[in-house]
């Protein structure tokens, strides 16, 4: 089944109707390393009533998250691998990928729901998913959230995961963050935003969404922070 999913994803393309739907629906994608503040900002955006949260599909089982078991239809649409194959066969996914032997992806129906509600479709997503969206429609908005510096980021991670952290998992998170930042710095897909203060960052996001060009004057400064963060991560990985 796993090989079958991977094979179907190799040459997968959404339907022309789905591509047109992406063009017709405002979409905001939030990207950034773990601890950048994506969840908090998603909550504030949803509170405004102007956004539809894109609930991703996955073939993995629900997990305990912050002491609570994840809910189907709220945290993810939990589906079987057979159901995932059918979604791909029916071209009912916008984008999808396999990670740790499970499929994760966005369904056409989630974008359709946002379109029908006349809302902005919004979610956090991996850099690979952003690339797939951008290839279908370059006007899709993608904001890359950054912690203000390496030290603040580490404090946030410690607060989130506690004192006991699996060393291999920690290294993997650092390497993933490094790869993500490299994507930010090597493409023009993103508007970079420093998440130093939640309220201020929220206001910046609203300005980006509502501006005609979906840009931010603070993007160049944020990219300098990204370069420093990239270098600090590399130094840390070299010395541990």
C-alpha atoms as a PDB file:
ATOM      1  CA  UNK A   1       0.000   0.000   0.000  1.00  0.00           C
ATOM      2  CA  UNK A   2       2.825   2.368   0.904  1.00  0.00           C
ATOM      3  CA  UNK A   3       4.534   1.832  -2.468  1.00  0.00           C
ATOM      4  CA  UNK A   4       1.178   2.292  -4.168  1.00  0.00           C
ATOM      5  CA  UNK A   5       0.617   5.667  -2.503  1.00  0.00           C
ATOM      6  CA  UNK A   6       4.122   6.850  -3.361  1.00  0.00           C
ATOM      7  CA  UNK A   7       3.684   5.733  -6.952  1.00  0.00           C
ATOM      8  CA  UNK A   8       0.388   7.582  -7.301  1.00  0.00           C
ATOM      9  CA  UNK A   9       1.940  10.743  -5.862  1.00  0.00           C
ATOM     10  CA  UNK A  10       4.870  10.696  -8.299  1.00  0.00           C
ATOM     11  CA  UNK A  11       2.839  11.966 -11.214  1.00  0.00           C
ATOM     12  CA  UNK A  12      -0.140  13.349  -9.340  1.00  0.00           C
ATOM     13  CA  UNK A  13      -1.904  16.435 -10.671  1.00  0.00           C
ATOM     14  CA  UNK A  14      -5.180  17.913  -9.425  1.00  0.00           C
ATOM     15  CA  UNK A  15      -7.953  18.358 -11.949  1.00  0.00           C
ATOM     16  CA  UNK A  16      -8.352  21.512 -14.032  1.00  0.00           C
ATOM     17  CA  UNK A  17     -11.485  22.309 -12.013  1.00  0.00           C
ATOM     18  CA  UNK A  18      -9.442  22.115  -8.812  1.00  0.00           C
ATOM     19  CA  UNK A  19      -6.753  24.379 -10.264  1.00  0.00           C
ATOM     20  CA  UNK A  20      -9.405  26.912 -11.255  1.00  0.00           C
ATOM     21  CA  UNK A  21     -10.824  26.720  -7.724  1.00  0.00           C
ATOM     22  CA  UNK A  22      -7.398  27.663  -6.327  1.00  0.00           C
ATOM     23  CA  UNK A  23      -7.307  30.682  -8.648  1.00  0.00           C
ATOM     24  CA  UNK A  24     -10.793  31.684  -7.520  1.00  0.00           C
ATOM     25  CA  UNK A  25     -10.176  31.324  -3.760  1.00  0.00           C
ATOM     26  CA  UNK A  26      -7.867  33.502  -1.628  1.00  0.00           C
ATOM     27  CA  UNK A  27      -5.418  31.186   0.143  1.00  0.00           C
ATOM     28  CA  UNK A  28      -3.026  31.958   3.004  1.00  0.00           C
ATOM     29  CA  UNK A  29      -0.335  29.417   3.877  1.00  0.00           C
ATOM     30  CA  UNK A  30       1.646  29.757   7.114  1.00  0.00           C
ATOM     31  CA  UNK A  31       5.116  28.235   7.214  1.00  0.00           C
ATOM     32  CA  UNK A  32       7.869  28.193   9.794  1.00  0.00           C
ATOM     33  CA  UNK A  33       9.830  26.018  12.193  1.00  0.00           C
ATOM     34  CA  UNK A  34       8.232  24.387  15.216  1.00  0.00           C
ATOM     35  CA  UNK A  35       7.870  27.097  17.852  1.00  0.00           C
ATOM     36  CA  UNK A  36       7.473  29.975  15.390  1.00  0.00           C
ATOM     37  CA  UNK A  37       3.887  30.572  16.563  1.00  0.00           C
ATOM     38  CA  UNK A  38       1.801  29.162  13.718  1.00  0.00           C
ATOM     39  CA  UNK A  39      -0.907  27.667  15.950  1.00  0.00           C
ATOM     40  CA  UNK A  40      -1.449  30.839  17.994  1.00  0.00           C
ATOM     41  CA  UNK A  41      -1.719  32.960  14.859  1.00  0.00           C
ATOM     42  CA  UNK A  42      -4.116  30.512  13.214  1.00  0.00           C
ATOM     43  CA  UNK A  43      -6.388  30.818  16.262  1.00  0.00           C
ATOM     44  CA  UNK A  44      -6.378  34.624  16.087  1.00  0.00           C
ATOM     45  CA  UNK A  45      -7.078  34.628  12.355  1.00  0.00           C
ATOM     46  CA  UNK A  46      -9.995  32.225  12.806  1.00  0.00           C
ATOM     47  CA  UNK A  47     -11.422  34.404  15.598  1.00  0.00           C
ATOM     48  CA  UNK A  48     -11.837  37.209  13.048  1.00  0.00           C
ATOM     49  CA  UNK A  49     -14.444  35.155  11.191  1.00  0.00           C
ATOM     50  CA  UNK A  50     -12.814  35.857   7.822  1.00  0.00           C
ATOM     51  CA  UNK A  51     -10.887  32.609   7.496  1.00  0.00           C
ATOM     52  CA  UNK A  52     -11.683  28.965   6.862  1.00  0.00           C
ATOM     53  CA  UNK A  53      -9.208  26.574   8.431  1.00  0.00           C
ATOM     54  CA  UNK A  54      -8.075  23.984   5.889  1.00  0.00           C
ATOM     55  CA  UNK A  55      -8.180  20.688   7.797  1.00  0.00           C
ATOM     56  CA  UNK A  56      -5.621  18.354   6.259  1.00  0.00           C
ATOM     57  CA  UNK A  57      -6.143  14.661   5.528  1.00  0.00           C
ATOM     58  CA  UNK A  58      -3.783  12.053   6.931  1.00  0.00           C
ATOM     59  CA  UNK A  59      -3.510   8.285   7.079  1.00  0.00           C
ATOM     60  CA  UNK A  60      -1.820   8.315  10.494  1.00  0.00           C
ATOM     61  CA  UNK A  61      -3.746   7.529  13.661  1.00  0.00           C
ATOM     62  CA  UNK A  62      -4.925  10.274  16.067  1.00  0.00           C
ATOM     63  CA  UNK A  63      -2.388  11.226  18.738  1.00  0.00           C
ATOM     64  CA  UNK A  64      -2.483  12.798  22.174  1.00  0.00           C
ATOM     65  CA  UNK A  65      -1.769  16.514  21.646  1.00  0.00           C
ATOM     66  CA  UNK A  66      -1.397  18.758  24.717  1.00  0.00           C
ATOM     67  CA  UNK A  67      -3.023  16.010  26.783  1.00  0.00           C
ATOM     68  CA  UNK A  68      -6.060  15.669  24.481  1.00  0.00           C
ATOM     69  CA  UNK A  69      -6.719  13.047  21.807  1.00  0.00           C
ATOM     70  CA  UNK A  70      -6.895  14.627  18.356  1.00  0.00           C
ATOM     71  CA  UNK A  71     -10.392  14.879  16.883  1.00  0.00           C
ATOM     72  CA  UNK A  72     -11.403  13.737  13.431  1.00  0.00           C
ATOM     73  CA  UNK A  73     -12.517  16.671  11.284  1.00  0.00           C
ATOM     74  CA  UNK A  74     -10.983  19.202  13.645  1.00  0.00           C
ATOM     75  CA  UNK A  75      -7.289  18.405  13.913  1.00  0.00           C
ATOM     76  CA  UNK A  76      -7.170  16.214  10.791  1.00  0.00           C
ATOM     77  CA  UNK A  77      -9.435  14.176   8.599  1.00  0.00           C
ATOM     78  CA  UNK A  78      -8.182  10.728   9.604  1.00  0.00           C
ATOM     79  CA  UNK A  79      -8.526   8.341   6.680  1.00  0.00           C
ATOM     80  CA  UNK A  80      -7.357   4.875   5.707  1.00  0.00           C
ATOM     81  CA  UNK A  81      -4.719   4.296   3.043  1.00  0.00           C
ATOM     82  CA  UNK A  82      -7.447   2.838   0.847  1.00  0.00           C
ATOM     83  CA  UNK A  83      -9.431   6.080   1.196  1.00  0.00           C
ATOM     84  CA  UNK A  84      -6.269   8.070   0.427  1.00  0.00           C
ATOM     85  CA  UNK A  85      -5.729   6.083  -2.755  1.00  0.00           C
ATOM     86  CA  UNK A  86      -9.308   6.762  -3.847  1.00  0.00           C
ATOM     87  CA  UNK A  87      -8.895  10.512  -3.232  1.00  0.00           C
ATOM     88  CA  UNK A  88      -5.811  10.479  -5.445  1.00  0.00           C
ATOM     89  CA  UNK A  89      -7.509   8.372  -8.107  1.00  0.00           C
ATOM     90  CA  UNK A  90     -10.436  10.823  -8.127  1.00  0.00           C
ATOM     91  CA  UNK A  91      -8.067  13.849  -8.307  1.00  0.00           C
ATOM     92  CA  UNK A  92      -9.730  15.053  -5.115  1.00  0.00           C
ATOM     93  CA  UNK A  93      -6.501  16.348  -3.528  1.00  0.00           C
ATOM     94  CA  UNK A  94      -4.808  19.685  -4.143  1.00  0.00           C
ATOM     95  CA  UNK A  95      -1.443  18.541  -2.832  1.00  0.00           C
ATOM     96  CA  UNK A  96      -0.194  15.539  -0.880  1.00  0.00           C
ATOM     97  CA  UNK A  97       3.006  13.923   0.314  1.00  0.00           C
ATOM     98  CA  UNK A  98       4.151  10.870   2.254  1.00  0.00           C
ATOM     99  CA  UNK A  99       5.983  11.534   5.517  1.00  0.00           C
ATOM    100  CA  UNK A 100       6.992   8.794   7.988  1.00  0.00           C
ATOM    101  CA  UNK A 101       4.974   6.257   5.988  1.00  0.00           C
ATOM    102  CA  UNK A 102       1.775   8.306   6.126  1.00  0.00           C
ATOM    103  CA  UNK A 103       0.037  10.544   3.619  1.00  0.00           C
ATOM    104  CA  UNK A 104      -0.646  14.191   4.481  1.00  0.00           C
ATOM    105  CA  UNK A 105      -2.487  16.472   2.109  1.00  0.00           C
ATOM    106  CA  UNK A 106      -5.118  19.075   1.287  1.00  0.00           C
ATOM    107  CA  UNK A 107      -8.426  18.062  -0.257  1.00  0.00           C
ATOM    108  CA  UNK A 108     -10.292  19.952  -2.950  1.00  0.00           C
ATOM    109  CA  UNK A 109     -13.376  19.880  -0.697  1.00  0.00           C
ATOM    110  CA  UNK A 110     -11.644  22.027   1.962  1.00  0.00           C
ATOM    111  CA  UNK A 111     -10.834  24.751  -0.583  1.00  0.00           C
ATOM    112  CA  UNK A 112     -14.358  24.469  -1.971  1.00  0.00           C
ATOM    113  CA  UNK A 113     -15.779  25.029   1.517  1.00  0.00           C
ATOM    114  CA  UNK A 114     -13.730  28.223   1.928  1.00  0.00           C
ATOM    115  CA  UNK A 115     -14.837  29.396  -1.533  1.00  0.00           C
ATOM    116  CA  UNK A 116     -18.500  28.712  -0.790  1.00  0.00           C
ATOM    117  CA  UNK A 117     -18.240  30.551   2.542  1.00  0.00           C
ATOM    118  CA  UNK A 118     -16.536  33.518   0.794  1.00  0.00           C
ATOM    119  CA  UNK A 119     -13.656  33.179   3.257  1.00  0.00           C
ATOM    120  CA  UNK A 120      -9.878  33.030   2.992  1.00  0.00           C
ATOM    121  CA  UNK A 121      -8.633  29.429   3.045  1.00  0.00           C
ATOM    122  CA  UNK A 122      -5.851  29.215   5.615  1.00  0.00           C
ATOM    123  CA  UNK A 123      -3.579  26.600   7.148  1.00  0.00           C
ATOM    124  CA  UNK A 124      -0.011  25.883   8.189  1.00  0.00           C
ATOM    125  CA  UNK A 125       1.903  23.689   5.782  1.00  0.00           C
ATOM    126  CA  UNK A 126       5.308  22.246   4.935  1.00  0.00           C
ATOM    127  CA  UNK A 127       7.561  23.930   2.367  1.00  0.00           C
ATOM    128  CA  UNK A 128       6.922  21.134  -0.139  1.00  0.00           C
ATOM    129  CA  UNK A 129       3.204  21.869  -0.004  1.00  0.00           C
ATOM    130  CA  UNK A 130       3.841  25.571  -0.602  1.00  0.00           C
ATOM    131  CA  UNK A 131       5.867  24.724  -3.696  1.00  0.00           C
ATOM    132  CA  UNK A 132       3.009  22.619  -5.039  1.00  0.00           C
ATOM    133  CA  UNK A 133       0.468  25.389  -4.438  1.00  0.00           C
ATOM    134  CA  UNK A 134       2.750  27.996  -6.019  1.00  0.00           C
ATOM    135  CA  UNK A 135       3.212  25.870  -9.126  1.00  0.00           C
ATOM    136  CA  UNK A 136      -0.567  25.767  -9.522  1.00  0.00           C
ATOM    137  CA  UNK A 137      -1.091  29.458  -8.732  1.00  0.00           C
ATOM    138  CA  UNK A 138       1.805  31.863  -7.994  1.00  0.00           C
ATOM    139  CA  UNK A 139      -0.619  34.325  -6.368  1.00  0.00           C
ATOM    140  CA  UNK A 140      -1.250  32.034  -3.380  1.00  0.00           C
ATOM    141  CA  UNK A 141      -0.097  33.896  -0.253  1.00  0.00           C
ATOM    142  CA  UNK A 142       2.650  32.214   1.784  1.00  0.00           C
ATOM    143  CA  UNK A 143       3.990  33.783   4.980  1.00  0.00           C
ATOM    144  CA  UNK A 144       7.126  32.402   6.607  1.00  0.00           C
ATOM    145  CA  UNK A 145       7.071  32.980  10.371  1.00  0.00           C
ATOM    146  CA  UNK A 146      10.394  33.351  12.165  1.00  0.00           C
ATOM    147  CA  UNK A 147      11.376  33.550  15.838  1.00  0.00           C
ATOM    148  CA  UNK A 148      13.344  36.743  16.569  1.00  0.00           C
ATOM    149  CA  UNK A 149      16.575  34.845  17.322  1.00  0.00           C
ATOM    150  CA  UNK A 150      17.993  31.408  18.087  1.00  0.00           C
ATOM    151  CA  UNK A 151      17.941  31.841  21.883  1.00  0.00           C
ATOM    152  CA  UNK A 152      14.280  32.910  21.976  1.00  0.00           C
ATOM    153  CA  UNK A 153      13.392  30.022  19.695  1.00  0.00           C
ATOM    154  CA  UNK A 154      15.103  27.510  21.989  1.00  0.00           C
ATOM    155  CA  UNK A 155      13.258  28.941  24.992  1.00  0.00           C
ATOM    156  CA  UNK A 156       9.965  28.506  23.178  1.00  0.00           C
ATOM    157  CA  UNK A 157      10.790  24.911  22.295  1.00  0.00           C
ATOM    158  CA  UNK A 158      11.763  24.137  25.884  1.00  0.00           C
ATOM    159  CA  UNK A 159       8.517  25.648  27.133  1.00  0.00           C
ATOM    160  CA  UNK A 160       6.547  23.649  24.586  1.00  0.00           C
ATOM    161  CA  UNK A 161       8.215  20.269  25.045  1.00  0.00           C
ATOM    162  CA  UNK A 162       9.551  20.520  28.597  1.00  0.00           C
ATOM    163  CA  UNK A 163      12.941  19.642  29.983  1.00  0.00           C
ATOM    164  CA  UNK A 164      12.989  16.058  28.693  1.00  0.00           C
ATOM    165  CA  UNK A 165      13.467  16.047  24.920  1.00  0.00           C
ATOM    166  CA  UNK A 166      14.557  13.091  22.812  1.00  0.00           C
ATOM    167  CA  UNK A 167      17.986  14.043  21.460  1.00  0.00           C
ATOM    168  CA  UNK A 168      17.497  12.476  18.028  1.00  0.00           C
ATOM    169  CA  UNK A 169      14.094  14.134  17.686  1.00  0.00           C
ATOM    170  CA  UNK A 170      15.605  17.467  18.703  1.00  0.00           C
ATOM    171  CA  UNK A 171      18.341  17.173  16.067  1.00  0.00           C
ATOM    172  CA  UNK A 172      15.713  16.290  13.469  1.00  0.00           C
ATOM    173  CA  UNK A 173      13.690  19.395  14.363  1.00  0.00           C
ATOM    174  CA  UNK A 174      16.788  21.564  14.015  1.00  0.00           C
ATOM    175  CA  UNK A 175      17.668  20.053  10.644  1.00  0.00           C
ATOM    176  CA  UNK A 176      14.078  20.428   9.430  1.00  0.00           C
ATOM    177  CA  UNK A 177      14.074  24.082  10.500  1.00  0.00           C
ATOM    178  CA  UNK A 178      17.368  24.601   8.675  1.00  0.00           C
ATOM    179  CA  UNK A 179      15.960  23.066   5.494  1.00  0.00           C
ATOM    180  CA  UNK A 180      12.850  25.237   5.760  1.00  0.00           C
ATOM    181  CA  UNK A 181      14.870  28.430   6.203  1.00  0.00           C
ATOM    182  CA  UNK A 182      17.032  27.496   3.224  1.00  0.00           C
ATOM    183  CA  UNK A 183      13.817  27.270   1.186  1.00  0.00           C
ATOM    184  CA  UNK A 184      12.784  30.716   2.384  1.00  0.00           C
ATOM    185  CA  UNK A 185      16.116  32.207   1.361  1.00  0.00           C
ATOM    186  CA  UNK A 186      16.384  30.422  -1.985  1.00  0.00           C
ATOM    187  CA  UNK A 187      12.890  31.126  -3.397  1.00  0.00           C
ATOM    188  CA  UNK A 188      10.558  34.073  -3.848  1.00  0.00           C
ATOM    189  CA  UNK A 189       7.550  32.138  -2.573  1.00  0.00           C
ATOM    190  CA  UNK A 190       7.340  33.768   0.849  1.00  0.00           C
ATOM    191  CA  UNK A 191       6.822  36.980   2.743  1.00  0.00           C
ATOM    192  CA  UNK A 192       9.066  36.696   5.823  1.00  0.00           C
ATOM    193  CA  UNK A 193       7.666  37.905   9.152  1.00  0.00           C
ATOM    194  CA  UNK A 194       9.360  37.956  12.567  1.00  0.00           C
ATOM    195  CA  UNK A 195       6.990  36.716  15.267  1.00  0.00           C
ATOM    196  CA  UNK A 196       8.291  38.659  18.256  1.00  0.00           C
ATOM    197  CA  UNK A 197       4.922  39.838  19.570  1.00  0.00           C
ATOM    198  CA  UNK A 198       1.697  37.974  18.812  1.00  0.00           C
ATOM    199  CA  UNK A 199      -0.552  41.021  18.436  1.00  0.00           C
ATOM    200  CA  UNK A 200       1.929  42.871  16.227  1.00  0.00           C
ATOM    201  CA  UNK A 201       2.523  39.778  14.086  1.00  0.00           C
ATOM    202  CA  UNK A 202      -1.228  39.310  13.697  1.00  0.00           C
ATOM    203  CA  UNK A 203      -1.558  42.909  12.506  1.00  0.00           C
ATOM    204  CA  UNK A 204       1.239  42.314   9.995  1.00  0.00           C
ATOM    205  CA  UNK A 205      -0.524  39.230   8.650  1.00  0.00           C
ATOM    206  CA  UNK A 206      -3.758  41.146   8.208  1.00  0.00           C
ATOM    207  CA  UNK A 207      -1.905  43.920   6.357  1.00  0.00           C
ATOM    208  CA  UNK A 208      -0.229  41.392   4.050  1.00  0.00           C
ATOM    209  CA  UNK A 209      -3.543  39.711   3.234  1.00  0.00           C
ATOM    210  CA  UNK A 210      -5.399  42.983   2.680  1.00  0.00           C
ATOM    211  CA  UNK A 211      -2.681  44.774   0.676  1.00  0.00           C
ATOM    212  CA  UNK A 212      -2.888  44.768  -3.105  1.00  0.00           C
ATOM    213  CA  UNK A 213       0.498  43.099  -3.613  1.00  0.00           C
ATOM    214  CA  UNK A 214       0.426  40.898  -0.478  1.00  0.00           C
ATOM    215  CA  UNK A 215       3.894  42.117   0.480  1.00  0.00           C
ATOM    216  CA  UNK A 216       5.475  43.582   3.617  1.00  0.00           C
ATOM    217  CA  UNK A 217       8.029  46.369   4.006  1.00  0.00           C
ATOM    218  CA  UNK A 218       9.606  44.416   6.880  1.00  0.00           C
ATOM    219  CA  UNK A 219      10.396  41.407   4.673  1.00  0.00           C
ATOM    220  CA  UNK A 220      14.070  42.380   3.979  1.00  0.00           C
ATOM    221  CA  UNK A 221      14.803  42.785   7.708  1.00  0.00           C
ATOM    222  CA  UNK A 222      13.093  39.466   8.460  1.00  0.00           C
ATOM    223  CA  UNK A 223      15.241  37.727   5.847  1.00  0.00           C
ATOM    224  CA  UNK A 224      18.361  39.043   7.582  1.00  0.00           C
ATOM    225  CA  UNK A 225      17.074  37.470  10.792  1.00  0.00           C
ATOM    226  CA  UNK A 226      16.524  34.245   8.837  1.00  0.00           C
ATOM    227  CA  UNK A 227      20.165  34.265   7.664  1.00  0.00           C
ATOM    228  CA  UNK A 228      21.390  34.718  11.235  1.00  0.00           C
ATOM    229  CA  UNK A 229      19.088  31.961  12.445  1.00  0.00           C
ATOM    230  CA  UNK A 230      20.316  29.657   9.675  1.00  0.00           C
ATOM    231  CA  UNK A 231      23.944  30.277  10.659  1.00  0.00           C
ATOM    232  CA  UNK A 232      23.206  29.741  14.354  1.00  0.00           C
ATOM    233  CA  UNK A 233      21.469  26.436  13.637  1.00  0.00           C
ATOM    234  CA  UNK A 234      24.392  25.274  11.525  1.00  0.00           C
ATOM    235  CA  UNK A 235      26.856  26.190  14.299  1.00  0.00           C
ATOM    236  CA  UNK A 236      24.736  24.395  16.886  1.00  0.00           C
ATOM    237  CA  UNK A 237      24.451  21.234  14.794  1.00  0.00           C
ATOM    238  CA  UNK A 238      28.196  21.264  14.159  1.00  0.00           C
ATOM    239  CA  UNK A 239      29.053  21.515  17.845  1.00  0.00           C
ATOM    240  CA  UNK A 240      26.611  19.049  19.425  1.00  0.00           C
END
